[in-house]
Amino acid sequence: MEQLQCTFQEESVEFEHCVFPTYLYHHSGAYKGRVVIVHGYRDLHEFYFGLINVLTAGGYDVFFYFMRGEGTSKPASNSYASNDDSRVYKDMDFIIKRNLDQLQPAEKLNLFGHSLGGALVLCYAAIGTYKDRLRCVASCAPLIELAPETGVSLVEEWALRTVCHFVPPARYIRIKTPLRVEFLSTLPEIQQHILNRESTSQLRGTLVEARDFVLRGRRLLHQDFYSQISTELPVAIFHGDDDHINDCRASQKFIDGLQKIGNKHAQYHEFKDGRHELLAEFCSTDFFDGVLKFLDANSGAGQ
């Protein structure tokens, strides 16, 4: 596991009955811009250290925060811990606005997201309050469609949607999220690190979260939704072709859709034999370099 090679400042901020731990990692050399990271479901902070090292050494400040109900965030109650659509975009607005307020007036932000966060940054590019203040969006293994090995049946999906719609109090019932570490990374040390995580309770999510994960990703493939993304906004997806959690074919389809409506900056990068957690894989170095090159090609600090 990589160690951090940059300085940072840590701060806790409160919004809508939740305390969010935040980390601002400082760049070295000439400043190129700021990147806000939106992590994956029940993701581990340390998995991002390698990418953070590369980006900060490349001239970018990097902002990381734990989403509501994730990591060391402190929601006021179980209902306020649910990271569903009723709250997640408001939280993103708050975090993004907070970052924008710290930049020069004309400067734009870069967004990076992984898995759940990968879908969220793509959605934000379409419907986010501050989408016009984005410089570019990079998404890793986004949850657009679940892979066949992980997906739920139509019966299970409709049962979940029915319960959430007709029995609102049941939305915040927590269910165990199955974890198959071999789907996350090919590296045995990474698999063991995940299995050694301190609290198995971290792998429990609410019913409404599970519902919105599926529906949120699926609508990214609808033209009436993704056509709301500016054709001038650079968007890149990075995905391993051996991902058994989120389907790489859906990522390719999404980028194809953007290109067909005129986005000449949309690009798809696939890593042969790469599994879901490209942040902690045998091909991580190539992945980090790809993200840095994408950001550099579209950097425009102060513009």
C-alpha atoms as a PDB file:
ATOM      1  CA  MET A   1       0.000   0.000   0.000  1.00  0.00           C
ATOM      2  CA  GLU A   2       1.469   3.343  -1.029  1.00  0.00           C
ATOM      3  CA  GLN A   3       2.293   5.985   1.566  1.00  0.00           C
ATOM      4  CA  LEU A   4       1.445   9.651   1.101  1.00  0.00           C
ATOM      5  CA  GLN A   5       4.265  11.780  -0.259  1.00  0.00           C
ATOM      6  CA  CYS A   6       2.619  15.199   0.040  1.00  0.00           C
ATOM      7  CA  THR A   7       1.502  17.568   2.754  1.00  0.00           C
ATOM      8  CA  PHE A   8      -2.169  17.959   3.579  1.00  0.00           C
ATOM      9  CA  GLN A   9      -4.612  19.625   5.911  1.00  0.00           C
ATOM     10  CA  GLU A  10      -7.563  17.903   7.529  1.00  0.00           C
ATOM     11  CA  GLU A  11     -10.822  19.572   8.477  1.00  0.00           C
ATOM     12  CA  SER A  12     -14.287  18.430   9.543  1.00  0.00           C
ATOM     13  CA  VAL A  13     -17.262  20.350   8.142  1.00  0.00           C
ATOM     14  CA  GLU A  14     -20.946  20.028   8.999  1.00  0.00           C
ATOM     15  CA  PHE A  15     -23.863  20.049   6.575  1.00  0.00           C
ATOM     16  CA  GLU A  16     -27.444  18.772   6.808  1.00  0.00           C
ATOM     17  CA  HIS A  17     -27.051  16.757  10.028  1.00  0.00           C
ATOM     18  CA  CYS A  18     -23.734  15.163   9.068  1.00  0.00           C
ATOM     19  CA  VAL A  19     -20.075  15.906   9.809  1.00  0.00           C
ATOM     20  CA  PHE A  20     -17.863  15.316   6.777  1.00  0.00           C
ATOM     21  CA  PRO A  21     -14.135  14.639   7.234  1.00  0.00           C
ATOM     22  CA  THR A  22     -12.198  16.434   4.475  1.00  0.00           C
ATOM     23  CA  TYR A  23      -8.582  16.369   3.328  1.00  0.00           C
ATOM     24  CA  LEU A  24      -6.825  18.869   1.087  1.00  0.00           C
ATOM     25  CA  TYR A  25      -3.591  17.493  -0.378  1.00  0.00           C
ATOM     26  CA  HIS A  26      -1.142  20.149  -1.534  1.00  0.00           C
ATOM     27  CA  HIS A  27       0.539  20.294  -4.935  1.00  0.00           C
ATOM     28  CA  SER A  28       4.242  20.675  -5.617  1.00  0.00           C
ATOM     29  CA  GLY A  29       5.786  22.590  -8.510  1.00  0.00           C
ATOM     30  CA  ALA A  30       3.706  24.836 -10.743  1.00  0.00           C
ATOM     31  CA  TYR A  31       0.015  24.871  -9.833  1.00  0.00           C
ATOM     32  CA  LYS A  32      -2.324  23.444 -12.491  1.00  0.00           C
ATOM     33  CA  GLY A  33      -5.675  23.219 -10.726  1.00  0.00           C
ATOM     34  CA  ARG A  34      -7.727  21.401  -8.108  1.00  0.00           C
ATOM     35  CA  VAL A  35      -9.229  17.914  -8.279  1.00  0.00           C
ATOM     36  CA  VAL A  36     -12.176  16.864  -6.103  1.00  0.00           C
ATOM     37  CA  ILE A  37     -12.383  13.102  -5.537  1.00  0.00           C
ATOM     38  CA  VAL A  38     -15.715  11.333  -5.034  1.00  0.00           C
ATOM     39  CA  HIS A  39     -14.940   7.858  -3.697  1.00  0.00           C
ATOM     40  CA  GLY A  40     -16.651   4.524  -4.213  1.00  0.00           C
ATOM     41  CA  TYR A  41     -19.131   2.651  -2.022  1.00  0.00           C
ATOM     42  CA  ARG A  42     -17.508   1.640   1.286  1.00  0.00           C
ATOM     43  CA  ASP A  43     -14.170   2.507  -0.282  1.00  0.00           C
ATOM     44  CA  LEU A  44     -10.885   2.683   1.608  1.00  0.00           C
ATOM     45  CA  HIS A  45      -9.146   6.069   1.797  1.00  0.00           C
ATOM     46  CA  GLU A  46      -5.675   4.583   1.462  1.00  0.00           C
ATOM     47  CA  PHE A  47      -6.484   3.156  -1.961  1.00  0.00           C
ATOM     48  CA  TYR A  48      -6.379   6.742  -3.279  1.00  0.00           C
ATOM     49  CA  PHE A  49      -2.916   7.577  -1.946  1.00  0.00           C
ATOM     50  CA  GLY A  50      -1.117   6.430  -5.108  1.00  0.00           C
ATOM     51  CA  LEU A  51      -3.279   8.600  -7.347  1.00  0.00           C
ATOM     52  CA  ILE A  52      -3.021  11.520  -4.926  1.00  0.00           C
ATOM     53  CA  ASN A  53       0.785  11.253  -4.967  1.00  0.00           C
ATOM     54  CA  VAL A  54       0.863  11.365  -8.771  1.00  0.00           C
ATOM     55  CA  LEU A  55      -1.589  14.266  -9.061  1.00  0.00           C
ATOM     56  CA  THR A  56      -0.002  16.433  -6.359  1.00  0.00           C
ATOM     57  CA  ALA A  57       3.469  15.828  -7.794  1.00  0.00           C
ATOM     58  CA  GLY A  58       1.997  16.835 -11.156  1.00  0.00           C
ATOM     59  CA  GLY A  59       0.851  20.224  -9.878  1.00  0.00           C
ATOM     60  CA  TYR A  60      -2.719  19.585  -8.670  1.00  0.00           C
ATOM     61  CA  ASP A  61      -4.264  20.191  -5.286  1.00  0.00           C
ATOM     62  CA  VAL A  62      -6.483  17.218  -4.438  1.00  0.00           C
ATOM     63  CA  PHE A  63      -9.556  17.362  -2.207  1.00  0.00           C
ATOM     64  CA  PHE A  64     -10.940  14.144  -0.705  1.00  0.00           C
ATOM     65  CA  TYR A  65     -13.970  13.811   1.547  1.00  0.00           C
ATOM     66  CA  PHE A  66     -15.928  10.928   3.008  1.00  0.00           C
ATOM     67  CA  MET A  67     -19.483  10.925   1.762  1.00  0.00           C
ATOM     68  CA  ARG A  68     -22.474  10.776   4.076  1.00  0.00           C
ATOM     69  CA  GLY A  69     -22.576   7.461   5.932  1.00  0.00           C
ATOM     70  CA  GLU A  70     -19.160   6.465   4.588  1.00  0.00           C
ATOM     71  CA  GLY A  71     -15.767   6.136   6.243  1.00  0.00           C
ATOM     72  CA  THR A  72     -15.427   8.323   9.323  1.00  0.00           C
ATOM     73  CA  SER A  73     -18.336  10.641   8.497  1.00  0.00           C
ATOM     74  CA  LYS A  74     -20.668  11.306  11.437  1.00  0.00           C
ATOM     75  CA  PRO A  75     -24.358  11.479  10.505  1.00  0.00           C
ATOM     76  CA  ALA A  76     -26.791  12.485  13.241  1.00  0.00           C
ATOM     77  CA  SER A  77     -28.846   9.287  12.864  1.00  0.00           C
ATOM     78  CA  ASN A  78     -29.326   6.259  10.629  1.00  0.00           C
ATOM     79  CA  SER A  79     -31.767   8.095   8.344  1.00  0.00           C
ATOM     80  CA  TYR A  80     -29.233  10.891   7.849  1.00  0.00           C
ATOM     81  CA  ALA A  81     -26.550   8.307   7.020  1.00  0.00           C
ATOM     82  CA  SER A  82     -28.198   7.163   3.797  1.00  0.00           C
ATOM     83  CA  ASN A  83     -26.346   8.312   0.700  1.00  0.00           C
ATOM     84  CA  ASP A  84     -29.347   8.230  -1.646  1.00  0.00           C
ATOM     85  CA  ASP A  85     -30.441  10.687  -4.329  1.00  0.00           C
ATOM     86  CA  SER A  86     -32.458  12.778  -1.876  1.00  0.00           C
ATOM     87  CA  ARG A  87     -29.196  13.918  -0.278  1.00  0.00           C
ATOM     88  CA  VAL A  88     -26.143  12.978  -2.306  1.00  0.00           C
ATOM     89  CA  TYR A  89     -26.379  15.799  -4.883  1.00  0.00           C
ATOM     90  CA  LYS A  90     -27.031  18.405  -2.179  1.00  0.00           C
ATOM     91  CA  ASP A  91     -23.920  17.145  -0.409  1.00  0.00           C
ATOM     92  CA  MET A  92     -21.920  17.361  -3.640  1.00  0.00           C
ATOM     93  CA  ASP A  93     -23.165  20.910  -4.210  1.00  0.00           C
ATOM     94  CA  PHE A  94     -21.998  21.836  -0.718  1.00  0.00           C
ATOM     95  CA  ILE A  95     -18.559  20.279  -1.180  1.00  0.00           C
ATOM     96  CA  ILE A  96     -18.035  21.657  -4.691  1.00  0.00           C
ATOM     97  CA  LYS A  97     -19.194  25.146  -3.722  1.00  0.00           C
ATOM     98  CA  ARG A  98     -16.833  25.060  -0.734  1.00  0.00           C
ATOM     99  CA  ASN A  99     -13.933  24.244  -3.065  1.00  0.00           C
ATOM    100  CA  LEU A 100     -14.923  26.841  -5.663  1.00  0.00           C
ATOM    101  CA  ASP A 101     -15.029  29.514  -2.958  1.00  0.00           C
ATOM    102  CA  GLN A 102     -11.363  28.798  -2.229  1.00  0.00           C
ATOM    103  CA  LEU A 103     -10.269  29.284  -5.848  1.00  0.00           C
ATOM    104  CA  GLN A 104      -9.858  32.295  -8.089  1.00  0.00           C
ATOM    105  CA  PRO A 105     -13.257  33.548  -9.334  1.00  0.00           C
ATOM    106  CA  ALA A 106     -12.835  32.273 -12.880  1.00  0.00           C
ATOM    107  CA  GLU A 107     -11.132  28.993 -12.018  1.00  0.00           C
ATOM    108  CA  LYS A 108     -12.904  25.712 -12.662  1.00  0.00           C
ATOM    109  CA  LEU A 109     -12.755  22.384 -10.812  1.00  0.00           C
ATOM    110  CA  ASN A 110     -11.772  18.949 -12.034  1.00  0.00           C
ATOM    111  CA  LEU A 111     -13.871  16.018 -10.788  1.00  0.00           C
ATOM    112  CA  PHE A 112     -12.657  12.451 -10.333  1.00  0.00           C
ATOM    113  CA  GLY A 113     -14.869   9.604  -9.175  1.00  0.00           C
ATOM    114  CA  HIS A 114     -14.515   5.854  -8.696  1.00  0.00           C
ATOM    115  CA  SER A 115     -17.275   3.220  -8.938  1.00  0.00           C
ATOM    116  CA  LEU A 116     -20.283   4.730  -7.112  1.00  0.00           C
ATOM    117  CA  GLY A 117     -18.407   8.048  -7.188  1.00  0.00           C
ATOM    118  CA  GLY A 118     -17.631   7.449 -10.856  1.00  0.00           C
ATOM    119  CA  ALA A 119     -21.350   7.399 -11.659  1.00  0.00           C
ATOM    120  CA  LEU A 120     -21.999  10.382  -9.398  1.00  0.00           C
ATOM    121  CA  VAL A 121     -19.492  12.653 -11.151  1.00  0.00           C
ATOM    122  CA  LEU A 122     -20.982  11.740 -14.529  1.00  0.00           C
ATOM    123  CA  CYS A 123     -24.478  12.495 -13.232  1.00  0.00           C
ATOM    124  CA  TYR A 124     -23.256  15.749 -11.725  1.00  0.00           C
ATOM    125  CA  ALA A 125     -21.885  16.808 -15.110  1.00  0.00           C
ATOM    126  CA  ALA A 126     -25.459  16.529 -16.403  1.00  0.00           C
ATOM    127  CA  ILE A 127     -27.574  17.895 -13.560  1.00  0.00           C
ATOM    128  CA  GLY A 128     -25.241  19.401 -10.932  1.00  0.00           C
ATOM    129  CA  THR A 129     -25.854  22.951  -9.760  1.00  0.00           C
ATOM    130  CA  TYR A 130     -22.262  23.946 -10.520  1.00  0.00           C
ATOM    131  CA  LYS A 131     -21.738  21.854 -13.639  1.00  0.00           C
ATOM    132  CA  ASP A 132     -20.721  24.961 -15.595  1.00  0.00           C
ATOM    133  CA  ARG A 133     -17.793  25.405 -13.208  1.00  0.00           C
ATOM    134  CA  LEU A 134     -16.244  22.044 -14.139  1.00  0.00           C
ATOM    135  CA  ARG A 135     -13.029  21.916 -16.147  1.00  0.00           C
ATOM    136  CA  CYS A 136     -13.166  18.177 -16.846  1.00  0.00           C
ATOM    137  CA  VAL A 137     -14.533  14.930 -15.412  1.00  0.00           C
ATOM    138  CA  ALA A 138     -12.630  11.654 -15.005  1.00  0.00           C
ATOM    139  CA  SER A 139     -14.496   8.504 -13.989  1.00  0.00           C
ATOM    140  CA  CYS A 140     -13.021   5.146 -12.981  1.00  0.00           C
ATOM    141  CA  ALA A 141     -15.077   1.937 -13.292  1.00  0.00           C
ATOM    142  CA  PRO A 142     -18.381   3.821 -12.868  1.00  0.00           C
ATOM    143  CA  LEU A 143     -21.525   2.101 -11.656  1.00  0.00           C
ATOM    144  CA  ILE A 144     -23.547   2.552 -14.843  1.00  0.00           C
ATOM    145  CA  GLU A 145     -24.634  -1.068 -15.099  1.00  0.00           C
ATOM    146  CA  LEU A 146     -23.692  -3.898 -12.770  1.00  0.00           C
ATOM    147  CA  ALA A 147     -21.761  -6.778 -14.293  1.00  0.00           C
ATOM    148  CA  PRO A 148     -23.746 -10.005 -14.808  1.00  0.00           C
ATOM    149  CA  GLU A 149     -21.892 -11.672 -11.924  1.00  0.00           C
ATOM    150  CA  THR A 150     -23.005  -8.941  -9.502  1.00  0.00           C
ATOM    151  CA  GLY A 151     -26.336  -7.714 -10.832  1.00  0.00           C
ATOM    152  CA  VAL A 152     -29.697  -8.397  -9.194  1.00  0.00           C
ATOM    153  CA  SER A 153     -32.640 -10.120 -10.869  1.00  0.00           C
ATOM    154  CA  LEU A 154     -35.645  -8.156 -12.095  1.00  0.00           C
ATOM    155  CA  VAL A 155     -37.749  -9.742  -9.341  1.00  0.00           C
ATOM    156  CA  GLU A 156     -35.289  -8.557  -6.686  1.00  0.00           C
ATOM    157  CA  GLU A 157     -35.085  -5.092  -8.224  1.00  0.00           C
ATOM    158  CA  TRP A 158     -38.845  -4.597  -8.363  1.00  0.00           C
ATOM    159  CA  ALA A 159     -39.246  -5.920  -4.833  1.00  0.00           C
ATOM    160  CA  LEU A 160     -36.689  -3.369  -3.664  1.00  0.00           C
ATOM    161  CA  ARG A 161     -38.341  -0.529  -5.575  1.00  0.00           C
ATOM    162  CA  THR A 162     -41.808  -1.505  -4.315  1.00  0.00           C
ATOM    163  CA  VAL A 163     -40.730  -1.561  -0.670  1.00  0.00           C
ATOM    164  CA  CYS A 164     -38.960   1.808  -0.973  1.00  0.00           C
ATOM    165  CA  HIS A 165     -41.988   3.402  -2.658  1.00  0.00           C
ATOM    166  CA  PHE A 166     -44.841   2.034  -0.556  1.00  0.00           C
ATOM    167  CA  VAL A 167     -43.142   1.603   2.843  1.00  0.00           C
ATOM    168  CA  PRO A 168     -41.002   4.771   3.323  1.00  0.00           C
ATOM    169  CA  PRO A 169     -39.764   3.853   6.847  1.00  0.00           C
ATOM    170  CA  ALA A 170     -38.271   0.665   5.390  1.00  0.00           C
ATOM    171  CA  ARG A 171     -35.980   2.680   3.140  1.00  0.00           C
ATOM    172  CA  TYR A 172     -33.432   2.961   5.922  1.00  0.00           C
ATOM    173  CA  ILE A 173     -33.297  -0.725   6.816  1.00  0.00           C
ATOM    174  CA  ARG A 174     -29.714  -1.872   6.387  1.00  0.00           C
ATOM    175  CA  ILE A 175     -28.790  -4.985   4.461  1.00  0.00           C
ATOM    176  CA  LYS A 176     -25.461  -6.730   4.109  1.00  0.00           C
ATOM    177  CA  THR A 177     -23.512  -5.968   0.966  1.00  0.00           C
ATOM    178  CA  PRO A 178     -21.809  -9.104  -0.354  1.00  0.00           C
ATOM    179  CA  LEU A 179     -18.068  -8.700  -0.839  1.00  0.00           C
ATOM    180  CA  ARG A 180     -16.088 -10.830  -3.246  1.00  0.00           C
ATOM    181  CA  VAL A 181     -12.554  -9.590  -2.919  1.00  0.00           C
ATOM    182  CA  GLU A 182     -11.390 -11.474  -5.995  1.00  0.00           C
ATOM    183  CA  PHE A 183     -13.613  -9.177  -8.053  1.00  0.00           C
ATOM    184  CA  LEU A 184     -11.909  -6.063  -6.675  1.00  0.00           C
ATOM    185  CA  SER A 185      -8.245  -6.713  -7.422  1.00  0.00           C
ATOM    186  CA  THR A 186      -5.979  -9.414  -8.798  1.00  0.00           C
ATOM    187  CA  LEU A 187      -3.365  -8.636  -6.110  1.00  0.00           C
ATOM    188  CA  PRO A 188      -3.443 -11.022  -3.100  1.00  0.00           C
ATOM    189  CA  GLU A 189      -2.113  -8.339  -0.725  1.00  0.00           C
ATOM    190  CA  ILE A 190      -4.969  -6.008  -1.667  1.00  0.00           C
ATOM    191  CA  GLN A 191      -7.541  -8.765  -1.224  1.00  0.00           C
ATOM    192  CA  GLN A 192      -6.150  -9.525   2.230  1.00  0.00           C
ATOM    193  CA  HIS A 193      -6.085  -5.842   3.173  1.00  0.00           C
ATOM    194  CA  ILE A 194      -9.800  -5.584   2.356  1.00  0.00           C
ATOM    195  CA  LEU A 195     -10.603  -8.717   4.357  1.00  0.00           C
ATOM    196  CA  ASN A 196      -8.701  -7.288   7.323  1.00  0.00           C
ATOM    197  CA  ARG A 197     -10.755  -4.109   7.478  1.00  0.00           C
ATOM    198  CA  GLU A 198     -11.792  -3.394  11.039  1.00  0.00           C
ATOM    199  CA  SER A 199     -15.580  -3.328  10.851  1.00  0.00           C
ATOM    200  CA  THR A 200     -17.787  -5.628   8.799  1.00  0.00           C
ATOM    201  CA  SER A 201     -20.677  -3.307   9.673  1.00  0.00           C
ATOM    202  CA  GLN A 202     -19.219  -0.918   7.110  1.00  0.00           C
ATOM    203  CA  LEU A 203     -20.475  -3.333   4.452  1.00  0.00           C
ATOM    204  CA  ARG A 204     -24.146  -2.699   5.282  1.00  0.00           C
ATOM    205  CA  GLY A 205     -26.157  -0.233   3.201  1.00  0.00           C
ATOM    206  CA  THR A 206     -29.750   1.028   3.225  1.00  0.00           C
ATOM    207  CA  LEU A 207     -32.422  -0.270   0.876  1.00  0.00           C
ATOM    208  CA  VAL A 208     -32.905   3.164  -0.687  1.00  0.00           C
ATOM    209  CA  GLU A 209     -29.172   3.441  -1.376  1.00  0.00           C
ATOM    210  CA  ALA A 210     -29.264   0.121  -3.224  1.00  0.00           C
ATOM    211  CA  ARG A 211     -32.285   1.244  -5.246  1.00  0.00           C
ATOM    212  CA  ASP A 212     -30.711   4.548  -6.262  1.00  0.00           C
ATOM    213  CA  PHE A 213     -27.372   2.968  -7.133  1.00  0.00           C
ATOM    214  CA  VAL A 214     -29.063   0.906  -9.821  1.00  0.00           C
ATOM    215  CA  LEU A 215     -31.463   3.545 -11.174  1.00  0.00           C
ATOM    216  CA  ARG A 216     -28.904   6.374 -11.098  1.00  0.00           C
ATOM    217  CA  GLY A 217     -26.435   4.461 -13.222  1.00  0.00           C
ATOM    218  CA  ARG A 218     -29.021   3.157 -15.660  1.00  0.00           C
ATOM    219  CA  ARG A 219     -30.302   6.605 -16.571  1.00  0.00           C
ATOM    220  CA  LEU A 220     -26.802   7.630 -17.634  1.00  0.00           C
ATOM    221  CA  LEU A 221     -27.459   5.597 -20.773  1.00  0.00           C
ATOM    222  CA  HIS A 222     -30.591   7.584 -21.670  1.00  0.00           C
ATOM    223  CA  GLN A 223     -29.890  10.269 -24.269  1.00  0.00           C
ATOM    224  CA  ASP A 224     -32.309  12.718 -22.706  1.00  0.00           C
ATOM    225  CA  PHE A 225     -30.123  12.568 -19.583  1.00  0.00           C
ATOM    226  CA  TYR A 226     -26.542  12.468 -20.905  1.00  0.00           C
ATOM    227  CA  SER A 227     -27.355  15.098 -23.553  1.00  0.00           C
ATOM    228  CA  GLN A 228     -27.503  17.580 -20.651  1.00  0.00           C
ATOM    229  CA  ILE A 229     -23.707  17.268 -20.403  1.00  0.00           C
ATOM    230  CA  SER A 230     -22.004  20.080 -22.282  1.00  0.00           C
ATOM    231  CA  THR A 231     -20.451  18.895 -25.534  1.00  0.00           C
ATOM    232  CA  GLU A 232     -17.484  21.120 -24.624  1.00  0.00           C
ATOM    233  CA  LEU A 233     -16.808  19.313 -21.334  1.00  0.00           C
ATOM    234  CA  PRO A 234     -13.947  16.785 -21.496  1.00  0.00           C
ATOM    235  CA  VAL A 235     -15.100  13.460 -20.032  1.00  0.00           C
ATOM    236  CA  ALA A 236     -12.936  10.350 -19.674  1.00  0.00           C
ATOM    237  CA  ILE A 237     -13.791   6.893 -18.376  1.00  0.00           C
ATOM    238  CA  PHE A 238     -11.098   4.426 -17.276  1.00  0.00           C
ATOM    239  CA  HIS A 239     -12.226   0.820 -16.876  1.00  0.00           C
ATOM    240  CA  GLY A 240     -10.677  -2.639 -16.571  1.00  0.00           C
ATOM    241  CA  ASP A 241     -12.014  -5.206 -19.033  1.00  0.00           C
ATOM    242  CA  ASP A 242     -12.066  -7.873 -16.293  1.00  0.00           C
ATOM    243  CA  ASP A 243     -14.340  -5.913 -13.945  1.00  0.00           C
ATOM    244  CA  HIS A 244     -16.949  -8.271 -12.480  1.00  0.00           C
ATOM    245  CA  ILE A 245     -18.637  -5.572 -10.402  1.00  0.00           C
ATOM    246  CA  ASN A 246     -19.455  -2.780 -12.870  1.00  0.00           C
ATOM    247  CA  ASP A 247     -19.786  -3.624 -16.553  1.00  0.00           C
ATOM    248  CA  CYS A 248     -17.128  -1.995 -18.747  1.00  0.00           C
ATOM    249  CA  ARG A 249     -19.407  -2.354 -21.771  1.00  0.00           C
ATOM    250  CA  ALA A 250     -21.807   0.175 -20.234  1.00  0.00           C
ATOM    251  CA  SER A 251     -18.916   2.633 -19.842  1.00  0.00           C
ATOM    252  CA  GLN A 252     -18.028   2.253 -23.505  1.00  0.00           C
ATOM    253  CA  LYS A 253     -21.688   2.709 -24.459  1.00  0.00           C
ATOM    254  CA  PHE A 254     -21.917   5.905 -22.407  1.00  0.00           C
ATOM    255  CA  ILE A 255     -18.855   7.436 -24.083  1.00  0.00           C
ATOM    256  CA  ASP A 256     -20.145   6.360 -27.499  1.00  0.00           C
ATOM    257  CA  GLY A 257     -23.363   8.218 -26.713  1.00  0.00           C
ATOM    258  CA  LEU A 258     -21.518  11.418 -25.786  1.00  0.00           C
ATOM    259  CA  GLN A 259     -19.461  11.229 -28.965  1.00  0.00           C
ATOM    260  CA  LYS A 260     -22.549  10.734 -31.127  1.00  0.00           C
ATOM    261  CA  ILE A 261     -24.130  13.939 -29.819  1.00  0.00           C
ATOM    262  CA  GLY A 262     -21.003  15.919 -30.637  1.00  0.00           C
ATOM    263  CA  ASN A 263     -18.672  15.710 -27.632  1.00  0.00           C
ATOM    264  CA  LYS A 264     -15.258  15.473 -29.294  1.00  0.00           C
ATOM    265  CA  HIS A 265     -13.563  15.454 -25.880  1.00  0.00           C
ATOM    266  CA  ALA A 266     -15.205  12.237 -24.607  1.00  0.00           C
ATOM    267  CA  GLN A 267     -12.789   9.318 -24.354  1.00  0.00           C
ATOM    268  CA  TYR A 268     -12.721   5.732 -23.098  1.00  0.00           C
ATOM    269  CA  HIS A 269      -9.614   3.957 -21.791  1.00  0.00           C
ATOM    270  CA  GLU A 270      -9.685   0.216 -21.164  1.00  0.00           C
ATOM    271  CA  PHE A 271      -7.083  -1.785 -19.217  1.00  0.00           C
ATOM    272  CA  LYS A 272      -6.591  -5.383 -20.258  1.00  0.00           C
ATOM    273  CA  ASP A 273      -7.182  -7.863 -17.419  1.00  0.00           C
ATOM    274  CA  GLY A 274      -7.812  -4.997 -14.990  1.00  0.00           C
ATOM    275  CA  ARG A 275     -10.340  -5.651 -12.245  1.00  0.00           C
ATOM    276  CA  HIS A 276     -12.622  -3.174 -10.495  1.00  0.00           C
ATOM    277  CA  GLU A 277     -10.198  -1.393  -8.168  1.00  0.00           C
ATOM    278  CA  LEU A 278      -7.826   0.152 -10.719  1.00  0.00           C
ATOM    279  CA  LEU A 279      -6.493   2.285  -7.857  1.00  0.00           C
ATOM    280  CA  ALA A 280      -4.945  -0.870  -6.383  1.00  0.00           C
ATOM    281  CA  GLU A 281      -4.148  -3.129  -9.316  1.00  0.00           C
ATOM    282  CA  PHE A 282      -1.148  -4.362 -11.299  1.00  0.00           C
ATOM    283  CA  CYS A 283      -1.917  -1.669 -13.898  1.00  0.00           C
ATOM    284  CA  SER A 284      -2.334   1.186 -11.396  1.00  0.00           C
ATOM    285  CA  THR A 285       0.750   3.077 -12.591  1.00  0.00           C
ATOM    286  CA  ASP A 286      -0.560   3.194 -16.153  1.00  0.00           C
ATOM    287  CA  PHE A 287      -3.972   4.220 -14.855  1.00  0.00           C
ATOM    288  CA  PHE A 288      -2.534   7.055 -12.739  1.00  0.00           C
ATOM    289  CA  ASP A 289      -0.501   8.288 -15.696  1.00  0.00           C
ATOM    290  CA  GLY A 290      -3.614   8.205 -17.871  1.00  0.00           C
ATOM    291  CA  VAL A 291      -5.577  10.336 -15.423  1.00  0.00           C
ATOM    292  CA  LEU A 292      -2.722  12.840 -15.129  1.00  0.00           C
ATOM    293  CA  LYS A 293      -2.371  13.111 -18.912  1.00  0.00           C
ATOM    294  CA  PHE A 294      -6.112  13.674 -19.271  1.00  0.00           C
ATOM    295  CA  LEU A 295      -6.060  16.433 -16.680  1.00  0.00           C
ATOM    296  CA  ASP A 296      -2.966  18.046 -18.204  1.00  0.00           C
ATOM    297  CA  ALA A 297      -4.526  18.027 -21.654  1.00  0.00           C
ATOM    298  CA  ASN A 298      -7.463  19.978 -20.290  1.00  0.00           C
ATOM    299  CA  SER A 299      -5.885  22.072 -17.540  1.00  0.00           C
ATOM    300  CA  GLY A 300      -6.871  25.697 -17.503  1.00  0.00           C
ATOM    301  CA  ALA A 301      -6.319  27.096 -14.029  1.00  0.00           C
ATOM    302  CA  GLY A 302      -7.524  30.662 -13.775  1.00  0.00           C
ATOM    303  CA  GLN A 303      -9.443  30.524 -17.058  1.00  0.00           C
END
